[in-house]
PDB file of N, CA and C in Angstrom:
ATOM      1  N   UNK A   1     255.470 135.832 186.386  1.00  0.00           N
ATOM      2  CA  UNK A   1     256.333 135.950 187.555  1.00  0.00           C
ATOM      3  C   UNK A   1     257.782 135.795 187.098  1.00  0.00           C
ATOM      4  N   UNK A   2     258.632 136.691 187.550  1.00  0.00           N
ATOM      5  CA  UNK A   2     260.063 136.621 187.265  1.00  0.00           C
ATOM      6  C   UNK A   2     260.695 135.679 188.297  1.00  0.00           C
ATOM      7  N   UNK A   3     260.958 134.446 187.871  1.00  0.00           N
ATOM      8  CA  UNK A   3     261.462 133.418 188.782  1.00  0.00           C
ATOM      9  C   UNK A   3     262.802 133.819 189.395  1.00  0.00           C
ATOM     10  N   UNK A   4     263.688 134.361 188.581  1.00  0.00           N
ATOM     11  CA  UNK A   4     265.009 134.754 189.084  1.00  0.00           C
ATOM     12  C   UNK A   4     264.886 135.803 190.197  1.00  0.00           C
ATOM     13  N   UNK A   5     264.031 136.785 189.989  1.00  0.00           N
ATOM     14  CA  UNK A   5     263.825 137.825 191.002  1.00  0.00           C
ATOM     15  C   UNK A   5     263.177 137.234 192.254  1.00  0.00           C
ATOM     16  N   UNK A   6     262.251 136.309 192.058  1.00  0.00           N
ATOM     17  CA  UNK A   6     261.577 135.678 193.199  1.00  0.00           C
ATOM     18  C   UNK A   6     262.580 134.848 194.001  1.00  0.00           C
ATOM     19  N   UNK A   7     263.482 134.145 193.313  1.00  0.00           N
ATOM     20  CA  UNK A   7     264.498 133.359 194.009  1.00  0.00           C
ATOM     21  C   UNK A   7     265.407 134.279 194.820  1.00  0.00           C
ATOM     22  N   UNK A   8     265.807 135.413 194.234  1.00  0.00           N
ATOM     23  CA  UNK A   8     266.635 136.382 194.964  1.00  0.00           C
ATOM     24  C   UNK A   8     265.907 136.882 196.211  1.00  0.00           C
ATOM     25  N   UNK A   9     264.624 137.167 196.067  1.00  0.00           N
ATOM     26  CA  UNK A   9     263.814 137.638 197.198  1.00  0.00           C
ATOM     27  C   UNK A   9     263.763 136.567 198.294  1.00  0.00           C
ATOM     28  N   UNK A  10     263.552 135.327 197.894  1.00  0.00           N
ATOM     29  CA  UNK A  10     263.470 134.231 198.859  1.00  0.00           C
ATOM     30  C   UNK A  10     264.807 134.048 199.564  1.00  0.00           C
ATOM     31  N   UNK A  11     265.896 134.083 198.808  1.00  0.00           N
ATOM     32  CA  UNK A  11     267.231 133.924 199.393  1.00  0.00           C
ATOM     33  C   UNK A  11     267.477 135.005 200.443  1.00  0.00           C
ATOM     34  N   UNK A  12     267.163 136.242 200.112  1.00  0.00           N
ATOM     35  CA  UNK A  12     267.374 137.338 201.067  1.00  0.00           C
ATOM     36  C   UNK A  12     266.546 137.134 202.334  1.00  0.00           C
ATOM     37  N   UNK A  13     265.317 136.689 202.188  1.00  0.00           N
ATOM     38  CA  UNK A  13     264.468 136.467 203.366  1.00  0.00           C
ATOM     39  C   UNK A  13     264.988 135.304 204.201  1.00  0.00           C
ATOM     40  N   UNK A  14     265.426 134.233 203.549  1.00  0.00           N
ATOM     41  CA  UNK A  14     265.943 133.076 204.287  1.00  0.00           C
ATOM     42  C   UNK A  14     267.233 133.448 205.011  1.00  0.00           C
ATOM     43  N   UNK A  15     268.134 134.138 204.319  1.00  0.00           N
ATOM     44  CA  UNK A  15     269.409 134.513 204.935  1.00  0.00           C
ATOM     45  C   UNK A  15     269.248 135.558 206.026  1.00  0.00           C
ATOM     46  N   UNK A  16     268.213 136.384 205.938  1.00  0.00           N
ATOM     47  CA  UNK A  16     268.049 137.491 206.863  1.00  0.00           C
ATOM     48  C   UNK A  16     267.229 137.202 208.104  1.00  0.00           C
ATOM     49  N   UNK A  17     266.691 135.992 208.209  1.00  0.00           N
ATOM     50  CA  UNK A  17     265.800 135.698 209.333  1.00  0.00           C
ATOM     51  C   UNK A  17     266.075 134.277 209.833  1.00  0.00           C
ATOM     52  N   UNK A  18     266.552 134.174 211.061  1.00  0.00           N
ATOM     53  CA  UNK A  18     266.905 132.862 211.635  1.00  0.00           C
ATOM     54  C   UNK A  18     265.698 131.923 211.703  1.00  0.00           C
ATOM     55  N   UNK A  19     264.515 132.463 212.003  1.00  0.00           N
ATOM     56  CA  UNK A  19     263.321 131.621 212.074  1.00  0.00           C
ATOM     57  C   UNK A  19     262.984 131.046 210.701  1.00  0.00           C
ATOM     58  N   UNK A  20     263.085 131.878 209.674  1.00  0.00           N
ATOM     59  CA  UNK A  20     262.818 131.404 208.313  1.00  0.00           C
ATOM     60  C   UNK A  20     263.873 130.371 207.909  1.00  0.00           C
ATOM     61  N   UNK A  21     265.128 130.575 208.312  1.00  0.00           N
ATOM     62  CA  UNK A  21     266.178 129.597 208.019  1.00  0.00           C
ATOM     63  C   UNK A  21     265.829 128.236 208.600  1.00  0.00           C
ATOM     64  N   UNK A  22     265.394 128.236 209.848  1.00  0.00           N
ATOM     65  CA  UNK A  22     265.028 126.976 210.503  1.00  0.00           C
ATOM     66  C   UNK A  22     263.830 126.332 209.806  1.00  0.00           C
ATOM     67  N   UNK A  23     262.836 127.146 209.474  1.00  0.00           N
ATOM     68  CA  UNK A  23     261.667 126.612 208.772  1.00  0.00           C
ATOM     69  C   UNK A  23     262.049 126.050 207.414  1.00  0.00           C
ATOM     70  N   UNK A  24     262.966 126.738 206.716  1.00  0.00           N
ATOM     71  CA  UNK A  24     263.418 126.277 205.402  1.00  0.00           C
ATOM     72  C   UNK A  24     264.124 124.931 205.520  1.00  0.00           C
ATOM     73  N   UNK A  25     264.905 124.755 206.568  1.00  0.00           N
ATOM     74  CA  UNK A  25     265.598 123.482 206.781  1.00  0.00           C
ATOM     75  C   UNK A  25     264.602 122.364 207.072  1.00  0.00           C
ATOM     76  N   UNK A  26     263.576 122.664 207.864  1.00  0.00           N
ATOM     77  CA  UNK A  26     262.596 121.655 208.271  1.00  0.00           C
ATOM     78  C   UNK A  26     261.587 121.342 207.162  1.00  0.00           C
ATOM     79  N   UNK A  27     261.088 122.371 206.513  1.00  0.00           N
ATOM     80  CA  UNK A  27     260.039 122.198 205.497  1.00  0.00           C
ATOM     81  C   UNK A  27     260.209 123.231 204.387  1.00  0.00           C
ATOM     82  N   UNK A  28     261.150 122.982 203.478  1.00  0.00           N
ATOM     83  CA  UNK A  28     261.434 123.978 202.444  1.00  0.00           C
ATOM     84  C   UNK A  28     260.239 124.276 201.535  1.00  0.00           C
ATOM     85  N   UNK A  29     259.427 123.289 201.252  1.00  0.00           N
ATOM     86  CA  UNK A  29     258.278 123.515 200.361  1.00  0.00           C
ATOM     87  C   UNK A  29     257.313 124.514 200.978  1.00  0.00           C
ATOM     88  N   UNK A  30     256.909 124.261 202.202  1.00  0.00           N
ATOM     89  CA  UNK A  30     255.963 125.147 202.879  1.00  0.00           C
ATOM     90  C   UNK A  30     256.556 126.549 203.057  1.00  0.00           C
ATOM     91  N   UNK A  31     257.840 126.609 203.389  1.00  0.00           N
ATOM     92  CA  UNK A  31     258.505 127.895 203.599  1.00  0.00           C
ATOM     93  C   UNK A  31     258.542 128.707 202.309  1.00  0.00           C
ATOM     94  N   UNK A  32     258.954 128.079 201.214  1.00  0.00           N
ATOM     95  CA  UNK A  32     259.030 128.768 199.919  1.00  0.00           C
ATOM     96  C   UNK A  32     257.649 129.231 199.482  1.00  0.00           C
ATOM     97  N   UNK A  33     256.663 128.358 199.593  1.00  0.00           N
ATOM     98  CA  UNK A  33     255.310 128.739 199.186  1.00  0.00           C
ATOM     99  C   UNK A  33     254.775 129.882 200.044  1.00  0.00           C
ATOM    100  N   UNK A  34     255.132 129.895 201.320  1.00  0.00           N
ATOM    101  CA  UNK A  34     254.708 130.984 202.195  1.00  0.00           C
ATOM    102  C   UNK A  34     255.346 132.307 201.820  1.00  0.00           C
ATOM    103  N   UNK A  35     256.630 132.275 201.510  1.00  0.00           N
ATOM    104  CA  UNK A  35     257.330 133.497 201.119  1.00  0.00           C
ATOM    105  C   UNK A  35     256.843 133.984 199.759  1.00  0.00           C
ATOM    106  N   UNK A  36     256.709 133.048 198.819  1.00  0.00           N
ATOM    107  CA  UNK A  36     256.306 133.399 197.451  1.00  0.00           C
ATOM    108  C   UNK A  36     254.829 133.775 197.368  1.00  0.00           C
ATOM    109  N   UNK A  37     254.054 133.258 198.291  1.00  0.00           N
ATOM    110  CA  UNK A  37     252.628 133.551 198.279  1.00  0.00           C
ATOM    111  C   UNK A  37     251.856 132.797 197.207  1.00  0.00           C
ATOM    112  N   UNK A  38     252.448 131.716 196.709  1.00  0.00           N
ATOM    113  CA  UNK A  38     251.778 130.899 195.695  1.00  0.00           C
ATOM    114  C   UNK A  38     252.003 129.426 195.995  1.00  0.00           C
ATOM    115  N   UNK A  39     251.071 128.613 195.520  1.00  0.00           N
ATOM    116  CA  UNK A  39     251.178 127.165 195.641  1.00  0.00           C
ATOM    117  C   UNK A  39     251.635 126.640 194.291  1.00  0.00           C
ATOM    118  N   UNK A  40     252.898 126.232 194.210  1.00  0.00           N
ATOM    119  CA  UNK A  40     253.463 125.767 192.953  1.00  0.00           C
ATOM    120  C   UNK A  40     253.382 124.250 192.850  1.00  0.00           C
ATOM    121  N   UNK A  41     253.316 123.740 191.613  1.00  0.00           N
ATOM    122  CA  UNK A  41     253.381 122.284 191.428  1.00  0.00           C
ATOM    123  C   UNK A  41     254.701 121.741 191.967  1.00  0.00           C
ATOM    124  N   UNK A  42     254.693 120.489 192.420  1.00  0.00           N
ATOM    125  CA  UNK A  42     255.867 119.904 193.060  1.00  0.00           C
ATOM    126  C   UNK A  42     257.135 120.002 192.218  1.00  0.00           C
ATOM    127  N   UNK A  43     257.037 119.752 190.914  1.00  0.00           N
ATOM    128  CA  UNK A  43     258.242 119.793 190.090  1.00  0.00           C
ATOM    129  C   UNK A  43     258.825 121.202 190.024  1.00  0.00           C
ATOM    130  N   UNK A  44     257.987 122.211 190.027  1.00  0.00           N
ATOM    131  CA  UNK A  44     258.476 123.589 189.989  1.00  0.00           C
ATOM    132  C   UNK A  44     259.027 124.018 191.339  1.00  0.00           C
ATOM    133  N   UNK A  45     258.362 123.645 192.410  1.00  0.00           N
ATOM    134  CA  UNK A  45     258.832 124.057 193.736  1.00  0.00           C
ATOM    135  C   UNK A  45     260.171 123.406 194.052  1.00  0.00           C
ATOM    136  N   UNK A  46     260.383 122.166 193.607  1.00  0.00           N
ATOM    137  CA  UNK A  46     261.668 121.506 193.826  1.00  0.00           C
ATOM    138  C   UNK A  46     262.797 122.252 193.114  1.00  0.00           C
ATOM    139  N   UNK A  47     262.524 122.754 191.920  1.00  0.00           N
ATOM    140  CA  UNK A  47     263.528 123.525 191.181  1.00  0.00           C
ATOM    141  C   UNK A  47     263.847 124.829 191.904  1.00  0.00           C
ATOM    142  N   UNK A  48     262.825 125.472 192.452  1.00  0.00           N
ATOM    143  CA  UNK A  48     263.030 126.714 193.196  1.00  0.00           C
ATOM    144  C   UNK A  48     263.837 126.430 194.463  1.00  0.00           C
ATOM    145  N   UNK A  49     263.501 125.356 195.165  1.00  0.00           N
ATOM    146  CA  UNK A  49     264.230 124.987 196.382  1.00  0.00           C
ATOM    147  C   UNK A  49     265.703 124.735 196.054  1.00  0.00           C
ATOM    148  N   UNK A  50     265.955 123.979 194.990  1.00  0.00           N
ATOM    149  CA  UNK A  50     267.335 123.701 194.591  1.00  0.00           C
ATOM    150  C   UNK A  50     268.077 124.994 194.255  1.00  0.00           C
ATOM    151  N   UNK A  51     267.409 125.911 193.567  1.00  0.00           N
ATOM    152  CA  UNK A  51     268.028 127.181 193.194  1.00  0.00           C
ATOM    153  C   UNK A  51     268.331 128.028 194.427  1.00  0.00           C
ATOM    154  N   UNK A  52     267.418 128.049 195.379  1.00  0.00           N
ATOM    155  CA  UNK A  52     267.627 128.817 196.616  1.00  0.00           C
ATOM    156  C   UNK A  52     268.797 128.231 197.400  1.00  0.00           C
ATOM    157  N   UNK A  53     268.826 126.904 197.537  1.00  0.00           N
ATOM    158  CA  UNK A  53     269.932 126.263 198.259  1.00  0.00           C
ATOM    159  C   UNK A  53     271.264 126.557 197.581  1.00  0.00           C
ATOM    160  N   UNK A  54     271.298 126.478 196.254  1.00  0.00           N
ATOM    161  CA  UNK A  54     272.530 126.743 195.507  1.00  0.00           C
ATOM    162  C   UNK A  54     272.975 128.188 195.693  1.00  0.00           C
ATOM    163  N   UNK A  55     272.040 129.120 195.617  1.00  0.00           N
ATOM    164  CA  UNK A  55     272.368 130.541 195.761  1.00  0.00           C
ATOM    165  C   UNK A  55     272.883 130.837 197.164  1.00  0.00           C
ATOM    166  N   UNK A  56     272.249 130.264 198.167  1.00  0.00           N
ATOM    167  CA  UNK A  56     272.700 130.473 199.545  1.00  0.00           C
ATOM    168  C   UNK A  56     274.107 129.911 199.716  1.00  0.00           C
ATOM    169  N   UNK A  57     274.364 128.730 199.174  1.00  0.00           N
ATOM    170  CA  UNK A  57     275.691 128.119 199.272  1.00  0.00           C
ATOM    171  C   UNK A  57     276.742 128.970 198.575  1.00  0.00           C
ATOM    172  N   UNK A  58     276.420 129.469 197.377  1.00  0.00           N
ATOM    173  CA  UNK A  58     277.368 130.309 196.650  1.00  0.00           C
ATOM    174  C   UNK A  58     277.646 131.605 197.401  1.00  0.00           C
ATOM    175  N   UNK A  59     276.610 132.211 197.946  1.00  0.00           N
ATOM    176  CA  UNK A  59     276.793 133.443 198.706  1.00  0.00           C
ATOM    177  C   UNK A  59     277.667 133.195 199.929  1.00  0.00           C
ATOM    178  N   UNK A  60     277.416 132.074 200.622  1.00  0.00           N
ATOM    179  CA  UNK A  60     278.207 131.750 201.811  1.00  0.00           C
ATOM    180  C   UNK A  60     279.666 131.513 201.451  1.00  0.00           C
ATOM    181  N   UNK A  61     279.908 130.810 200.356  1.00  0.00           N
ATOM    182  CA  UNK A  61     281.274 130.557 199.908  1.00  0.00           C
ATOM    183  C   UNK A  61     281.957 131.874 199.553  1.00  0.00           C
ATOM    184  N   UNK A  62     281.234 132.746 198.845  1.00  0.00           N
ATOM    185  CA  UNK A  62     281.796 134.045 198.471  1.00  0.00           C
ATOM    186  C   UNK A  62     282.184 134.868 199.680  1.00  0.00           C
ATOM    187  N   UNK A  63     281.338 134.851 200.705  1.00  0.00           N
ATOM    188  CA  UNK A  63     281.635 135.597 201.921  1.00  0.00           C
ATOM    189  C   UNK A  63     282.866 135.025 202.616  1.00  0.00           C
ATOM    190  N   UNK A  64     282.969 133.702 202.647  1.00  0.00           N
ATOM    191  CA  UNK A  64     284.123 133.069 203.294  1.00  0.00           C
ATOM    192  C   UNK A  64     285.395 133.340 202.502  1.00  0.00           C
ATOM    193  N   UNK A  65     285.301 133.253 201.186  1.00  0.00           N
ATOM    194  CA  UNK A  65     286.473 133.525 200.362  1.00  0.00           C
ATOM    195  C   UNK A  65     286.883 134.991 200.457  1.00  0.00           C
ATOM    196  N   UNK A  66     285.915 135.869 200.579  1.00  0.00           N
ATOM    197  CA  UNK A  66     286.225 137.290 200.738  1.00  0.00           C
ATOM    198  C   UNK A  66     287.036 137.538 201.994  1.00  0.00           C
ATOM    199  N   UNK A  67     286.804 136.761 203.018  1.00  0.00           N
ATOM    200  CA  UNK A  67     287.560 136.875 204.259  1.00  0.00           C
ATOM    201  C   UNK A  67     289.009 136.452 204.113  1.00  0.00           C
ATOM    202  N   UNK A  68     289.306 135.660 203.086  1.00  0.00           N
ATOM    203  CA  UNK A  68     290.688 135.242 202.855  1.00  0.00           C
ATOM    204  C   UNK A  68     291.583 136.416 202.478  1.00  0.00           C
ATOM    205  N   UNK A  69     290.987 137.458 201.904  1.00  0.00           N
ATOM    206  CA  UNK A  69     291.769 138.635 201.548  1.00  0.00           C
ATOM    207  C   UNK A  69     292.479 139.243 202.741  1.00  0.00           C
ATOM    208  N   UNK A  70     291.891 139.100 203.910  1.00  0.00           N
ATOM    209  CA  UNK A  70     292.504 139.625 205.133  1.00  0.00           C
ATOM    210  C   UNK A  70     293.823 138.918 205.434  1.00  0.00           C
ATOM    211  N   UNK A  71     293.939 137.673 205.021  1.00  0.00           N
ATOM    212  CA  UNK A  71     295.184 136.952 205.235  1.00  0.00           C
ATOM    213  C   UNK A  71     296.336 137.530 204.436  1.00  0.00           C
ATOM    214  N   UNK A  72     296.000 138.186 203.340  1.00  0.00           N
ATOM    215  CA  UNK A  72     297.001 138.749 202.455  1.00  0.00           C
ATOM    216  C   UNK A  72     297.075 140.268 202.541  1.00  0.00           C
ATOM    217  N   UNK A  73     296.492 140.813 203.600  1.00  0.00           N
ATOM    218  CA  UNK A  73     296.570 142.243 203.827  1.00  0.00           C
ATOM    219  C   UNK A  73     295.604 143.063 202.993  1.00  0.00           C
ATOM    220  N   UNK A  74     294.620 142.409 202.388  1.00  0.00           N
ATOM    221  CA  UNK A  74     293.623 143.120 201.591  1.00  0.00           C
ATOM    222  C   UNK A  74     292.328 143.216 202.368  1.00  0.00           C
ATOM    223  N   UNK A  75     291.584 144.280 202.089  1.00  0.00           N
ATOM    224  CA  UNK A  75     290.302 144.470 202.779  1.00  0.00           C
ATOM    225  C   UNK A  75     289.173 144.292 201.823  1.00  0.00           C
TER     226      UNK A  75
END
């Protein structure tokens, strides 16, 4: 399994679906395992959860920073 690709897939599903976002906030382990379709050992699932949270945060920051360009007349 390509972990990096799986994390990207999970991030897109979490960001693209409000219900999945809520489930991820409430029970990230169950949500990730449901999306991935596999039952991972706790130490591995925690790493995936951390990676998904980090990727979502970075994407959100990038989107917000991209909006700053409008302040300077850039699109």
